[in-house]
Amino acid sequence: MSTASSPPNGASQPPRPGIPVPGAHLPGTPAHQEPADPHRIKTEVDALLAELGPRPVAGPAENTEAGADITRRARILEQAHDVLVDALATVDKI
């Protein structure tokens, strides 16, 4: 016997509204993305981390330059973080 909320025998039930889909909470992210390519992700993150370069040793007279460098480094790390978050959003959660 079927009820108003159950599908007929043999029919698949469509996803219920309100059930979260991995990555759907991210702005501008389609609910059904292609799976993340590990090689592409590693390449993107490696390229961003290469931009960091060696950390300069700053003296007291270079505080303004050091502040600008910290801001630049933080922006690069944030971009690398975003790449990883986007990749994780494509992984199905079990």
N, C-alpha and C. Protein backbone atom coordinates (compact mmCIF):
# COMPACT_ATOMS: atom_id res chain seq x y z
N MET A 1 0.84 -1.17 0.00
CA MET A 1 0.00 0.00 0.00
C MET A 1 0.88 1.23 0.00
N SER A 2 0.54 2.20 -0.81
CA SER A 2 1.33 3.43 -0.84
C SER A 2 0.53 4.57 -0.22
N THR A 3 1.27 5.48 0.34
CA THR A 3 0.64 6.67 0.92
C THR A 3 0.92 7.85 0.01
N ALA A 4 0.38 8.98 0.35
CA ALA A 4 0.57 10.18 -0.48
C ALA A 4 2.03 10.58 -0.55
N SER A 5 2.84 10.21 0.48
CA SER A 5 4.23 10.64 0.48
C SER A 5 5.19 9.56 -0.02
N SER A 6 4.72 8.33 -0.25
CA SER A 6 5.62 7.29 -0.72
C SER A 6 5.46 7.11 -2.23
N PRO A 7 6.59 6.78 -2.92
CA PRO A 7 6.51 6.59 -4.37
C PRO A 7 5.88 5.25 -4.71
N PRO A 8 5.34 5.12 -5.91
CA PRO A 8 4.79 3.83 -6.34
C PRO A 8 5.90 2.78 -6.35
N ASN A 9 5.52 1.52 -6.33
CA ASN A 9 6.51 0.44 -6.33
C ASN A 9 7.44 0.57 -7.53
N GLY A 10 8.74 0.46 -7.25
CA GLY A 10 9.74 0.51 -8.32
C GLY A 10 10.16 1.90 -8.73
N ALA A 11 9.49 2.95 -8.28
CA ALA A 11 9.86 4.32 -8.67
C ALA A 11 10.83 4.90 -7.65
N SER A 12 11.78 5.65 -8.14
CA SER A 12 12.71 6.30 -7.22
C SER A 12 12.11 7.61 -6.72
N GLN A 13 12.44 7.93 -5.51
CA GLN A 13 11.88 9.13 -4.90
C GLN A 13 12.82 10.31 -5.17
N PRO A 14 12.29 11.45 -5.61
CA PRO A 14 13.15 12.61 -5.83
C PRO A 14 13.68 13.13 -4.50
N PRO A 15 14.80 13.86 -4.52
CA PRO A 15 15.34 14.40 -3.27
C PRO A 15 14.32 15.31 -2.60
N ARG A 16 14.25 15.20 -1.30
CA ARG A 16 13.32 16.04 -0.55
C ARG A 16 13.88 17.46 -0.46
N PRO A 17 13.01 18.46 -0.55
CA PRO A 17 13.50 19.83 -0.40
C PRO A 17 13.97 20.05 1.03
N GLY A 18 15.01 20.84 1.16
CA GLY A 18 15.52 21.15 2.48
C GLY A 18 16.68 20.27 2.91
N ILE A 19 16.93 19.16 2.20
CA ILE A 19 18.07 18.32 2.54
C ILE A 19 19.32 18.95 1.93
N PRO A 20 20.34 19.21 2.76
CA PRO A 20 21.54 19.87 2.24
C PRO A 20 22.31 19.00 1.27
N VAL A 21 22.85 19.63 0.28
CA VAL A 21 23.70 18.99 -0.71
C VAL A 21 25.11 19.50 -0.47
N PRO A 22 26.14 18.63 -0.48
CA PRO A 22 27.50 19.10 -0.24
C PRO A 22 27.86 20.25 -1.16
N GLY A 23 28.33 21.33 -0.58
CA GLY A 23 28.77 22.49 -1.34
C GLY A 23 27.67 23.46 -1.69
N ALA A 24 26.41 23.12 -1.43
CA ALA A 24 25.31 23.99 -1.80
C ALA A 24 25.30 25.28 -0.99
N HIS A 25 25.98 25.28 0.16
CA HIS A 25 26.01 26.48 0.99
C HIS A 25 26.98 27.53 0.46
N LEU A 26 27.84 27.15 -0.47
CA LEU A 26 28.81 28.11 -0.99
C LEU A 26 28.15 28.99 -2.04
N PRO A 27 28.42 30.31 -1.98
CA PRO A 27 27.80 31.21 -2.95
C PRO A 27 28.29 30.93 -4.37
N GLY A 28 27.37 30.88 -5.30
CA GLY A 28 27.71 30.70 -6.71
C GLY A 28 28.12 29.28 -7.07
N THR A 29 27.97 28.34 -6.15
CA THR A 29 28.38 26.98 -6.41
C THR A 29 27.17 26.16 -6.85
N PRO A 30 27.21 25.58 -8.06
CA PRO A 30 26.10 24.72 -8.45
C PRO A 30 26.06 23.48 -7.57
N ALA A 31 24.88 22.95 -7.35
CA ALA A 31 24.72 21.80 -6.45
C ALA A 31 25.40 20.55 -6.99
N HIS A 32 25.47 20.38 -8.30
CA HIS A 32 26.07 19.18 -8.89
C HIS A 32 27.29 19.59 -9.70
N GLN A 33 28.45 19.53 -9.06
CA GLN A 33 29.71 19.87 -9.73
C GLN A 33 30.41 18.59 -10.17
N GLU A 34 31.39 18.79 -11.04
CA GLU A 34 32.25 17.68 -11.39
C GLU A 34 33.15 17.39 -10.19
N PRO A 35 33.53 16.14 -10.00
CA PRO A 35 34.42 15.83 -8.87
C PRO A 35 35.74 16.59 -8.99
N ALA A 36 36.33 16.87 -7.85
CA ALA A 36 37.59 17.61 -7.82
C ALA A 36 38.71 16.77 -8.42
N ASP A 37 39.57 17.41 -9.20
CA ASP A 37 40.73 16.74 -9.79
C ASP A 37 41.92 16.97 -8.85
N PRO A 38 42.40 15.94 -8.17
CA PRO A 38 43.49 16.13 -7.20
C PRO A 38 44.73 16.77 -7.80
N HIS A 39 45.06 16.41 -9.04
CA HIS A 39 46.26 16.99 -9.67
C HIS A 39 46.09 18.49 -9.88
N ARG A 40 44.91 18.90 -10.35
CA ARG A 40 44.66 20.32 -10.57
C ARG A 40 44.69 21.10 -9.26
N ILE A 41 44.09 20.52 -8.23
CA ILE A 41 44.06 21.19 -6.93
C ILE A 41 45.47 21.35 -6.38
N LYS A 42 46.27 20.29 -6.44
CA LYS A 42 47.65 20.36 -5.95
C LYS A 42 48.44 21.40 -6.73
N THR A 43 48.23 21.45 -8.03
CA THR A 43 48.95 22.43 -8.86
C THR A 43 48.57 23.86 -8.46
N GLU A 44 47.26 24.11 -8.26
CA GLU A 44 46.81 25.45 -7.87
C GLU A 44 47.35 25.86 -6.51
N VAL A 45 47.28 24.95 -5.54
CA VAL A 45 47.76 25.28 -4.20
C VAL A 45 49.28 25.47 -4.21
N ASP A 46 50.01 24.61 -4.92
CA ASP A 46 51.46 24.76 -5.01
C ASP A 46 51.85 26.09 -5.63
N ALA A 47 51.12 26.52 -6.67
CA ALA A 47 51.42 27.79 -7.32
C ALA A 47 51.18 28.96 -6.35
N LEU A 48 50.10 28.88 -5.59
CA LEU A 48 49.82 29.94 -4.61
C LEU A 48 50.88 29.96 -3.51
N LEU A 49 51.25 28.80 -3.01
CA LEU A 49 52.26 28.75 -1.95
C LEU A 49 53.64 29.20 -2.46
N ALA A 50 53.91 28.97 -3.74
CA ALA A 50 55.17 29.43 -4.32
C ALA A 50 55.25 30.96 -4.33
N GLU A 51 54.08 31.62 -4.43
CA GLU A 51 54.05 33.08 -4.39
C GLU A 51 54.49 33.63 -3.04
N LEU A 52 54.36 32.81 -1.99
CA LEU A 52 54.75 33.28 -0.66
C LEU A 52 56.25 33.53 -0.60
N GLY A 53 57.02 32.64 -1.21
CA GLY A 53 58.47 32.79 -1.19
C GLY A 53 59.01 32.75 0.23
N PRO A 54 60.30 33.02 0.38
CA PRO A 54 60.87 33.03 1.73
C PRO A 54 60.39 34.25 2.51
N ARG A 55 60.23 34.06 3.80
CA ARG A 55 59.78 35.16 4.65
C ARG A 55 60.94 36.12 4.89
N PRO A 56 60.77 37.41 4.55
CA PRO A 56 61.86 38.37 4.75
C PRO A 56 62.05 38.68 6.23
N VAL A 57 63.29 38.92 6.60
CA VAL A 57 63.60 39.32 7.96
C VAL A 57 63.56 40.84 7.99
N ALA A 58 62.64 41.40 8.77
CA ALA A 58 62.44 42.84 8.79
C ALA A 58 63.00 43.43 10.07
N GLY A 59 63.62 44.59 9.93
CA GLY A 59 64.09 45.34 11.09
C GLY A 59 63.01 46.29 11.55
N PRO A 60 63.25 47.00 12.64
CA PRO A 60 62.23 47.90 13.18
C PRO A 60 61.85 49.03 12.23
N ALA A 61 62.74 49.45 11.34
CA ALA A 61 62.46 50.56 10.43
C ALA A 61 61.54 50.14 9.29
N GLU A 62 61.31 48.84 9.11
CA GLU A 62 60.54 48.34 7.97
C GLU A 62 59.15 47.86 8.39
N ASN A 63 58.57 48.44 9.42
CA ASN A 63 57.26 47.99 9.91
C ASN A 63 56.17 48.12 8.87
N THR A 64 56.17 49.20 8.09
CA THR A 64 55.14 49.39 7.07
C THR A 64 55.25 48.32 6.00
N GLU A 65 56.47 48.04 5.57
CA GLU A 65 56.67 47.01 4.55
C GLU A 65 56.32 45.64 5.10
N ALA A 66 56.64 45.38 6.35
CA ALA A 66 56.32 44.09 6.96
C ALA A 66 54.80 43.92 7.05
N GLY A 67 54.09 44.98 7.38
CA GLY A 67 52.63 44.91 7.46
C GLY A 67 52.02 44.61 6.10
N ALA A 68 52.56 45.25 5.06
CA ALA A 68 52.07 45.00 3.71
C ALA A 68 52.36 43.56 3.29
N ASP A 69 53.54 43.04 3.70
CA ASP A 69 53.89 41.67 3.35
C ASP A 69 52.97 40.68 4.06
N ILE A 70 52.66 40.96 5.32
CA ILE A 70 51.76 40.06 6.05
C ILE A 70 50.38 40.05 5.39
N THR A 71 49.91 41.21 4.97
CA THR A 71 48.61 41.30 4.31
C THR A 71 48.62 40.52 3.00
N ARG A 72 49.70 40.65 2.23
CA ARG A 72 49.82 39.93 0.95
C ARG A 72 49.85 38.43 1.20
N ARG A 73 50.62 38.00 2.19
CA ARG A 73 50.74 36.58 2.50
C ARG A 73 49.39 36.02 2.98
N ALA A 74 48.67 36.80 3.77
CA ALA A 74 47.36 36.37 4.26
C ALA A 74 46.39 36.20 3.09
N ARG A 75 46.44 37.11 2.11
CA ARG A 75 45.57 37.01 0.94
C ARG A 75 45.88 35.75 0.14
N ILE A 76 47.16 35.45 -0.03
CA ILE A 76 47.56 34.25 -0.78
C ILE A 76 47.10 32.99 -0.06
N LEU A 77 47.28 32.96 1.26
CA LEU A 77 46.84 31.79 2.03
C LEU A 77 45.33 31.64 1.99
N GLU A 78 44.62 32.76 1.99
CA GLU A 78 43.16 32.70 1.89
C GLU A 78 42.72 32.13 0.54
N GLN A 79 43.44 32.50 -0.53
CA GLN A 79 43.12 31.95 -1.85
C GLN A 79 43.36 30.44 -1.87
N ALA A 80 44.47 29.99 -1.28
CA ALA A 80 44.76 28.55 -1.23
C ALA A 80 43.68 27.83 -0.42
N HIS A 81 43.25 28.46 0.66
CA HIS A 81 42.17 27.89 1.49
C HIS A 81 40.90 27.76 0.66
N ASP A 82 40.56 28.78 -0.12
CA ASP A 82 39.36 28.75 -0.95
C ASP A 82 39.41 27.62 -1.98
N VAL A 83 40.59 27.37 -2.55
CA VAL A 83 40.75 26.27 -3.51
C VAL A 83 40.42 24.95 -2.83
N LEU A 84 40.94 24.77 -1.60
CA LEU A 84 40.71 23.52 -0.88
C LEU A 84 39.25 23.38 -0.45
N VAL A 85 38.63 24.46 -0.02
CA VAL A 85 37.22 24.43 0.38
C VAL A 85 36.35 24.08 -0.82
N ASP A 86 36.62 24.69 -1.96
CA ASP A 86 35.86 24.38 -3.18
C ASP A 86 36.00 22.90 -3.56
N ALA A 87 37.22 22.36 -3.40
CA ALA A 87 37.44 20.95 -3.72
C ALA A 87 36.66 20.06 -2.76
N LEU A 88 36.68 20.39 -1.48
CA LEU A 88 35.95 19.59 -0.50
C LEU A 88 34.45 19.65 -0.74
N ALA A 89 33.96 20.76 -1.28
CA ALA A 89 32.53 20.90 -1.53
C ALA A 89 32.05 19.94 -2.61
N THR A 90 32.94 19.43 -3.43
CA THR A 90 32.54 18.52 -4.50
C THR A 90 32.55 17.06 -4.05
N VAL A 91 33.05 16.80 -2.86
CA VAL A 91 33.13 15.44 -2.35
C VAL A 91 31.80 15.06 -1.71
N ASP A 92 31.25 13.94 -2.10
CA ASP A 92 30.01 13.47 -1.49
C ASP A 92 30.30 13.01 -0.08
N LYS A 93 29.46 13.43 0.83
CA LYS A 93 29.58 13.01 2.22
C LYS A 93 28.74 11.74 2.41
N ILE A 94 29.30 10.77 3.07
CA ILE A 94 28.58 9.51 3.30
C ILE A 94 28.14 9.45 4.75
